[in-house]
C-alpha atoms as a PDB file:
ATOM      1  CA  MET A   1     222.299 -34.110  93.230  1.00  0.00           C
ATOM      2  CA  SER A   2     219.947 -36.929  94.202  1.00  0.00           C
ATOM      3  CA  SER A   3     216.977 -35.779  96.202  1.00  0.00           C
ATOM      4  CA  GLY A   4     216.955 -35.943  99.982  1.00  0.00           C
ATOM      5  CA  LEU A   5     215.469 -32.812 101.484  1.00  0.00           C
ATOM      6  CA  LYS A   6     213.451 -30.509  99.270  1.00  0.00           C
ATOM      7  CA  LEU A   7     214.850 -27.339 100.862  1.00  0.00           C
ATOM      8  CA  LEU A   8     217.641 -26.759 103.394  1.00  0.00           C
ATOM      9  CA  LEU A   9     218.099 -23.399 105.130  1.00  0.00           C
ATOM     10  CA  ILE A  10     221.519 -22.555 106.549  1.00  0.00           C
ATOM     11  CA  VAL A  11     221.304 -19.346 108.592  1.00  0.00           C
ATOM     12  CA  PRO A  12     223.097 -17.833 111.589  1.00  0.00           C
ATOM     13  CA  HIS A  13     220.285 -16.924 114.001  1.00  0.00           C
ATOM     14  CA  PRO A  14     217.015 -18.205 115.414  1.00  0.00           C
ATOM     15  CA  ASP A  15     214.371 -16.144 113.520  1.00  0.00           C
ATOM     16  CA  ASP A  16     216.336 -16.003 110.230  1.00  0.00           C
ATOM     17  CA  GLU A  17     214.142 -18.823 108.975  1.00  0.00           C
ATOM     18  CA  VAL A  18     210.768 -17.242 109.506  1.00  0.00           C
ATOM     19  CA  TYR A  19     210.413 -13.823 107.836  1.00  0.00           C
ATOM     20  CA  GLY A  20     211.472 -14.753 104.342  1.00  0.00           C
ATOM     21  CA  ALA A  21     210.846 -18.490 104.073  1.00  0.00           C
ATOM     22  CA  ALA A  22     208.213 -19.741 106.538  1.00  0.00           C
ATOM     23  CA  GLY A  23     205.505 -19.880 103.870  1.00  0.00           C
ATOM     24  CA  THR A  24     207.780 -21.707 101.431  1.00  0.00           C
ATOM     25  CA  LEU A  25     208.621 -24.247 104.119  1.00  0.00           C
ATOM     26  CA  MET A  26     204.921 -24.721 104.877  1.00  0.00           C
ATOM     27  CA  THR A  27     204.175 -25.236 101.175  1.00  0.00           C
ATOM     28  CA  HIS A  28     206.782 -27.982 100.826  1.00  0.00           C
ATOM     29  CA  LEU A  29     205.839 -29.668 104.088  1.00  0.00           C
ATOM     30  CA  ALA A  30     202.152 -29.658 103.139  1.00  0.00           C
ATOM     31  CA  ALA A  31     203.120 -31.442  99.927  1.00  0.00           C
ATOM     32  CA  GLY A  32     204.929 -34.134 101.924  1.00  0.00           C
ATOM     33  CA  GLU A  33     208.377 -32.816 100.988  1.00  0.00           C
ATOM     34  CA  PRO A  34     210.868 -32.890 103.888  1.00  0.00           C
ATOM     35  CA  CYS A  35     212.856 -29.734 104.624  1.00  0.00           C
ATOM     36  CA  GLY A  36     215.693 -28.787 106.925  1.00  0.00           C
ATOM     37  CA  LEU A  37     217.038 -25.933 108.998  1.00  0.00           C
ATOM     38  CA  ILE A  38     220.587 -25.456 110.254  1.00  0.00           C
ATOM     39  CA  THR A  39     221.049 -22.570 112.683  1.00  0.00           C
ATOM     40  CA  LEU A  40     224.679 -21.688 113.390  1.00  0.00           C
ATOM     41  CA  THR A  41     224.313 -19.695 116.637  1.00  0.00           C
ATOM     42  CA  ARG A  42     222.008 -19.566 119.646  1.00  0.00           C
ATOM     43  CA  GLY A  43     221.352 -15.831 119.220  1.00  0.00           C
ATOM     44  CA  GLU A  44     222.768 -15.006 122.643  1.00  0.00           C
ATOM     45  CA  ALA A  45     224.107 -11.577 121.615  1.00  0.00           C
ATOM     46  CA  GLY A  46     220.755 -10.200 120.477  1.00  0.00           C
ATOM     47  CA  ARG A  47     218.384  -7.735 122.109  1.00  0.00           C
ATOM     48  CA  THR A  48     216.582  -8.957 125.216  1.00  0.00           C
ATOM     49  CA  LEU A  49     213.722  -6.393 125.316  1.00  0.00           C
ATOM     50  CA  GLY A  50     213.864  -6.846 129.081  1.00  0.00           C
ATOM     51  CA  LEU A  51     212.671 -10.441 128.830  1.00  0.00           C
ATOM     52  CA  CYS A  52     215.850 -11.946 130.304  1.00  0.00           C
ATOM     53  CA  ASP A  53     218.995 -10.752 132.037  1.00  0.00           C
ATOM     54  CA  SER A  54     222.010 -12.594 130.597  1.00  0.00           C
ATOM     55  CA  PRO A  55     223.320 -13.953 127.299  1.00  0.00           C
ATOM     56  CA  GLN A  56     222.848 -17.485 128.595  1.00  0.00           C
ATOM     57  CA  ALA A  57     219.225 -16.803 129.500  1.00  0.00           C
ATOM     58  CA  LEU A  58     218.647 -15.168 126.118  1.00  0.00           C
ATOM     59  CA  ALA A  59     220.104 -18.190 124.338  1.00  0.00           C
ATOM     60  CA  ARG A  60     217.726 -20.485 126.211  1.00  0.00           C
ATOM     61  CA  MET A  61     214.785 -18.221 125.460  1.00  0.00           C
ATOM     62  CA  ARG A  62     215.609 -17.989 121.780  1.00  0.00           C
ATOM     63  CA  GLU A  63     215.966 -21.752 121.548  1.00  0.00           C
ATOM     64  CA  ALA A  64     212.490 -22.098 123.064  1.00  0.00           C
ATOM     65  CA  GLU A  65     211.133 -19.460 120.677  1.00  0.00           C
ATOM     66  CA  LEU A  66     212.634 -21.278 117.706  1.00  0.00           C
ATOM     67  CA  ALA A  67     211.195 -24.599 118.839  1.00  0.00           C
ATOM     68  CA  ALA A  68     207.740 -23.029 119.080  1.00  0.00           C
ATOM     69  CA  CYS A  69     208.155 -21.400 115.665  1.00  0.00           C
ATOM     70  CA  LEU A  70     209.195 -24.651 113.982  1.00  0.00           C
ATOM     71  CA  ASP A  71     206.260 -26.431 115.591  1.00  0.00           C
ATOM     72  CA  VAL A  72     203.895 -23.872 114.029  1.00  0.00           C
ATOM     73  CA  ILE A  73     205.631 -24.182 110.663  1.00  0.00           C
ATOM     74  CA  GLY A  74     205.411 -27.951 111.030  1.00  0.00           C
ATOM     75  CA  LEU A  75     209.060 -28.729 110.351  1.00  0.00           C
ATOM     76  CA  THR A  76     209.776 -30.541 113.609  1.00  0.00           C
ATOM     77  CA  ARG A  77     206.581 -32.580 113.257  1.00  0.00           C
ATOM     78  CA  HIS A  78     207.256 -33.691 109.693  1.00  0.00           C
ATOM     79  CA  PRO A  79     208.813 -37.148 109.148  1.00  0.00           C
ATOM     80  CA  GLY A  80     212.115 -36.847 107.386  1.00  0.00           C
ATOM     81  CA  SER A  81     212.626 -33.162 108.092  1.00  0.00           C
ATOM     82  CA  VAL A  82     215.731 -32.028 109.959  1.00  0.00           C
ATOM     83  CA  PHE A  83     216.626 -29.328 112.472  1.00  0.00           C
ATOM     84  CA  GLU A  84     220.191 -28.841 113.699  1.00  0.00           C
ATOM     85  CA  HIS A  85     221.316 -26.102 116.080  1.00  0.00           C
ATOM     86  CA  HIS A  86     225.016 -25.238 116.352  1.00  0.00           C
ATOM     87  CA  HIS A  87     226.712 -23.124 119.008  1.00  0.00           C
ATOM     88  CA  PHE A  88     229.086 -20.883 117.087  1.00  0.00           C
ATOM     89  CA  PRO A  89     229.379 -17.470 118.834  1.00  0.00           C
ATOM     90  CA  ASP A  90     226.581 -15.070 117.962  1.00  0.00           C
ATOM     91  CA  LYS A  91     227.713 -11.706 116.568  1.00  0.00           C
ATOM     92  CA  TYR A  92     231.285 -12.946 116.165  1.00  0.00           C
ATOM     93  CA  LEU A  93     231.150 -15.392 113.265  1.00  0.00           C
ATOM     94  CA  GLN A  94     233.464 -13.140 111.274  1.00  0.00           C
ATOM     95  CA  ASP A  95     236.105 -13.519 113.996  1.00  0.00           C
ATOM     96  CA  GLN A  96     236.046 -17.318 113.853  1.00  0.00           C
ATOM     97  CA  PRO A  97     238.110 -19.482 111.513  1.00  0.00           C
ATOM     98  CA  LEU A  98     235.998 -19.876 108.383  1.00  0.00           C
ATOM     99  CA  ALA A  99     236.945 -23.514 107.772  1.00  0.00           C
ATOM    100  CA  PRO A 100     234.686 -25.056 110.489  1.00  0.00           C
ATOM    101  CA  LEU A 101     231.714 -23.071 109.192  1.00  0.00           C
ATOM    102  CA  VAL A 102     232.439 -24.167 105.636  1.00  0.00           C
ATOM    103  CA  GLU A 103     232.736 -27.783 106.748  1.00  0.00           C
ATOM    104  CA  THR A 104     229.466 -27.568 108.684  1.00  0.00           C
ATOM    105  CA  ALA A 105     227.673 -26.403 105.533  1.00  0.00           C
ATOM    106  CA  ARG A 106     229.474 -28.813 103.190  1.00  0.00           C
ATOM    107  CA  GLU A 107     228.867 -31.846 105.401  1.00  0.00           C
ATOM    108  CA  ALA A 108     225.177 -30.969 105.694  1.00  0.00           C
ATOM    109  CA  MET A 109     224.782 -30.658 101.926  1.00  0.00           C
ATOM    110  CA  VAL A 110     226.465 -34.036 101.355  1.00  0.00           C
ATOM    111  CA  ARG A 111     224.588 -35.838 104.129  1.00  0.00           C
ATOM    112  CA  LEU A 112     221.122 -34.334 103.653  1.00  0.00           C
ATOM    113  CA  ARG A 113     221.201 -34.101  99.829  1.00  0.00           C
ATOM    114  CA  PRO A 114     218.871 -31.119  99.485  1.00  0.00           C
ATOM    115  CA  ASP A 115     217.427 -30.112  96.139  1.00  0.00           C
ATOM    116  CA  THR A 116     217.929 -26.460  97.143  1.00  0.00           C
ATOM    117  CA  VAL A 117     219.995 -24.650  99.779  1.00  0.00           C
ATOM    118  CA  LEU A 118     218.816 -21.227 100.963  1.00  0.00           C
ATOM    119  CA  THR A 119     220.963 -18.679 102.789  1.00  0.00           C
ATOM    120  CA  PHE A 120     221.698 -14.951 102.873  1.00  0.00           C
ATOM    121  CA  PRO A 121     223.066 -13.060  99.846  1.00  0.00           C
ATOM    122  CA  PRO A 122     226.604 -11.602  99.621  1.00  0.00           C
ATOM    123  CA  ASN A 123     225.581  -8.369 101.365  1.00  0.00           C
ATOM    124  CA  GLY A 124     223.832 -10.295 104.151  1.00  0.00           C
ATOM    125  CA  SER A 125     220.568  -8.521 103.188  1.00  0.00           C
ATOM    126  CA  ASN A 126     221.232  -5.861 105.817  1.00  0.00           C
ATOM    127  CA  GLY A 127     225.005  -6.017 106.190  1.00  0.00           C
ATOM    128  CA  HIS A 128     224.921  -8.001 109.447  1.00  0.00           C
ATOM    129  CA  PRO A 129     228.390  -9.581 109.741  1.00  0.00           C
ATOM    130  CA  ASP A 130     226.952 -12.939 110.818  1.00  0.00           C
ATOM    131  CA  HIS A 131     224.735 -12.962 107.714  1.00  0.00           C
ATOM    132  CA  VAL A 132     227.676 -12.101 105.462  1.00  0.00           C
ATOM    133  CA  THR A 133     229.938 -14.699 107.073  1.00  0.00           C
ATOM    134  CA  THR A 134     227.250 -17.349 106.699  1.00  0.00           C
ATOM    135  CA  TRP A 135     226.987 -16.504 103.002  1.00  0.00           C
ATOM    136  CA  ARG A 136     230.775 -16.836 102.665  1.00  0.00           C
ATOM    137  CA  ALA A 137     230.744 -20.235 104.348  1.00  0.00           C
ATOM    138  CA  VAL A 138     227.767 -21.634 102.429  1.00  0.00           C
ATOM    139  CA  LYS A 139     229.062 -20.352  99.087  1.00  0.00           C
ATOM    140  CA  ALA A 140     232.524 -21.797  99.743  1.00  0.00           C
ATOM    141  CA  ALA A 141     230.992 -25.138 100.715  1.00  0.00           C
ATOM    142  CA  TRP A 142     228.797 -25.125  97.601  1.00  0.00           C
ATOM    143  CA  ASP A 143     231.766 -24.252  95.373  1.00  0.00           C
ATOM    144  CA  ALA A 144     233.762 -27.125  96.894  1.00  0.00           C
ATOM    145  CA  LEU A 145     231.229 -29.726  95.765  1.00  0.00           C
ATOM    146  CA  PRO A 146     231.596 -31.328  92.338  1.00  0.00           C
ATOM    147  CA  PRO A 147     229.315 -29.444  89.922  1.00  0.00           C
ATOM    148  CA  GLY A 148     227.096 -32.467  89.394  1.00  0.00           C
ATOM    149  CA  GLU A 149     226.532 -32.854  93.133  1.00  0.00           C
ATOM    150  CA  ARG A 150     225.617 -29.272  93.970  1.00  0.00           C
ATOM    151  CA  PRO A 151     222.079 -28.377  95.041  1.00  0.00           C
ATOM    152  CA  ALA A 152     220.421 -25.303  93.636  1.00  0.00           C
ATOM    153  CA  LEU A 153     221.610 -22.269  95.606  1.00  0.00           C
ATOM    154  CA  TRP A 154     219.112 -19.580  96.594  1.00  0.00           C
ATOM    155  CA  TYR A 155     219.555 -16.328  98.491  1.00  0.00           C
ATOM    156  CA  TYR A 156     216.985 -14.233 100.296  1.00  0.00           C
ATOM    157  CA  ALA A 157     216.151 -11.338  97.972  1.00  0.00           C
ATOM    158  CA  SER A 158     214.003  -8.226  97.983  1.00  0.00           C
ATOM    159  CA  ASP A 159     212.643  -6.098  95.156  1.00  0.00           C
ATOM    160  CA  VAL A 160     213.662  -3.052  97.202  1.00  0.00           C
ATOM    161  CA  PRO A 161     217.391  -2.266  96.868  1.00  0.00           C
ATOM    162  CA  PRO A 162     219.190  -1.416 100.125  1.00  0.00           C
ATOM    163  CA  GLU A 163     219.473   2.251 101.002  1.00  0.00           C
ATOM    164  CA  HIS A 164     223.136   1.928 101.971  1.00  0.00           C
ATOM    165  CA  GLU A 165     225.376   2.341  98.917  1.00  0.00           C
ATOM    166  CA  ALA A 166     227.818  -0.449  99.817  1.00  0.00           C
ATOM    167  CA  LEU A 167     224.979  -2.911 100.356  1.00  0.00           C
ATOM    168  CA  ARG A 168     223.255  -1.781  97.172  1.00  0.00           C
ATOM    169  CA  ALA A 169     226.399  -2.561  95.152  1.00  0.00           C
ATOM    170  CA  GLN A 170     226.020  -6.246  96.105  1.00  0.00           C
ATOM    171  CA  TRP A 171     222.232  -6.377  95.814  1.00  0.00           C
ATOM    172  CA  LEU A 172     220.841  -9.312  93.859  1.00  0.00           C
ATOM    173  CA  PRO A 173     217.210  -8.904  92.715  1.00  0.00           C
ATOM    174  CA  PRO A 174     214.767 -11.773  93.091  1.00  0.00           C
ATOM    175  CA  ASN A 175     214.218 -14.171  90.223  1.00  0.00           C
ATOM    176  CA  VAL A 176     212.063 -16.666  92.154  1.00  0.00           C
ATOM    177  CA  ARG A 177     208.686 -15.728  93.631  1.00  0.00           C
ATOM    178  CA  ARG A 178     206.488 -17.877  95.843  1.00  0.00           C
ATOM    179  CA  ASP A 179     202.905 -16.901  96.654  1.00  0.00           C
ATOM    180  CA  VAL A 180     202.458 -18.025 100.267  1.00  0.00           C
ATOM    181  CA  SER A 181     199.233 -16.139 100.994  1.00  0.00           C
ATOM    182  CA  ALA A 182     197.501 -19.448 101.751  1.00  0.00           C
ATOM    183  CA  HIS A 183     199.756 -19.756 104.805  1.00  0.00           C
ATOM    184  CA  VAL A 184     199.720 -16.144 105.980  1.00  0.00           C
ATOM    185  CA  THR A 185     197.853 -16.792 109.249  1.00  0.00           C
ATOM    186  CA  ARG A 186     200.278 -19.508 110.352  1.00  0.00           C
ATOM    187  CA  LYS A 187     203.242 -17.508 109.090  1.00  0.00           C
ATOM    188  CA  LEU A 188     202.271 -14.559 111.286  1.00  0.00           C
ATOM    189  CA  GLN A 189     201.804 -16.929 114.208  1.00  0.00           C
ATOM    190  CA  ALA A 190     205.258 -18.402 113.564  1.00  0.00           C
ATOM    191  CA  ILE A 191     206.822 -14.934 113.410  1.00  0.00           C
ATOM    192  CA  ALA A 192     205.153 -14.028 116.699  1.00  0.00           C
ATOM    193  CA  CYS A 193     206.834 -16.985 118.424  1.00  0.00           C
ATOM    194  CA  HIS A 194     210.080 -14.974 118.334  1.00  0.00           C
ATOM    195  CA  ARG A 195     209.063 -12.591 121.114  1.00  0.00           C
ATOM    196  CA  THR A 196     212.581 -11.305 121.732  1.00  0.00           C
ATOM    197  CA  GLN A 197     212.732 -10.223 118.087  1.00  0.00           C
ATOM    198  CA  ALA A 198     209.661  -7.982 118.192  1.00  0.00           C
ATOM    199  CA  LEU A 199     211.621  -4.951 116.962  1.00  0.00           C
ATOM    200  CA  SER A 200     212.984  -6.956 114.031  1.00  0.00           C
ATOM    201  CA  THR A 201     209.432  -8.018 113.236  1.00  0.00           C
ATOM    202  CA  VAL A 202     208.229  -4.424 113.206  1.00  0.00           C
ATOM    203  CA  ASP A 203     211.154  -3.362 111.014  1.00  0.00           C
ATOM    204  CA  PHE A 204     210.589  -6.196 108.534  1.00  0.00           C
ATOM    205  CA  ILE A 205     206.865  -5.554 108.157  1.00  0.00           C
ATOM    206  CA  ARG A 206     207.453  -1.807 107.831  1.00  0.00           C
ATOM    207  CA  LYS A 207     210.108  -2.199 105.133  1.00  0.00           C
ATOM    208  CA  PHE A 208     208.905  -5.315 103.307  1.00  0.00           C
ATOM    209  CA  PRO A 209     205.172  -5.844 103.891  1.00  0.00           C
ATOM    210  CA  GLU A 210     204.771  -7.561 100.536  1.00  0.00           C
ATOM    211  CA  ARG A 211     207.171 -10.317 101.611  1.00  0.00           C
ATOM    212  CA  ILE A 212     204.699 -11.579 104.192  1.00  0.00           C
ATOM    213  CA  THR A 213     202.531 -13.052 101.410  1.00  0.00           C
ATOM    214  CA  GLN A 214     205.096 -13.299  98.596  1.00  0.00           C
ATOM    215  CA  GLU A 215     208.475 -14.805  99.419  1.00  0.00           C
ATOM    216  CA  THR A 216     211.214 -13.806  97.005  1.00  0.00           C
ATOM    217  CA  PHE A 217     214.621 -15.326  96.346  1.00  0.00           C
ATOM    218  CA  HIS A 218     217.592 -15.043  94.032  1.00  0.00           C
ATOM    219  CA  ALA A 219     218.469 -18.390  92.439  1.00  0.00           C
ATOM    220  CA  VAL A 220     222.169 -18.422  91.569  1.00  0.00           C
ATOM    221  CA  GLY A 221     222.700 -19.002  87.853  1.00  0.00           C
ATOM    222  CA  ALA A 222     219.008 -18.689  86.990  1.00  0.00           C
ATOM    223  CA  ASP A 223     219.439 -15.442  85.018  1.00  0.00           C
END
């Protein structure tokens, strides 16, 4: 596939971009390589932590949090980089027809011509149905492209297998490692922009502290 974007993330929620890939995005952007983010939902079904009082208010807050995060990362300030925010229903992607999600991913790959697409693995990392459905859609879109026009396909990956047996059966270990320690201060600042996701932040750092400075992925077909 001819080069357009260096890296394109396709994820369901605001904040799915930051924990596992913010440093990688910063590395590419610092090298003058445009990147992209496609977020499928507004995150309106998430936890509010008492910061707002309705799904609509939470959606607006999470959009503002994401905008602040992407400003810290530098994506929205980088010429040629792309951010697109869709409004599929948060928490209920699995209940939607899959075809529009597949077409959203396929059209983005064709139009933006990324070298690499990054999304969640088959088990969604943590089993979240939106994560799993996003994987299904992105993988189906990738499979639908002619082999010579497919970008590289990467999944978020951790060295630590999931505790849950069903998730562990679909676990894919990392085969790509990126040292992002040079960006750790800005990465932490970007993470902190997602105030409504403070509990997710605590959980991620508790379970995967090493992934703050080393971002790990599974490249499909690399083994």
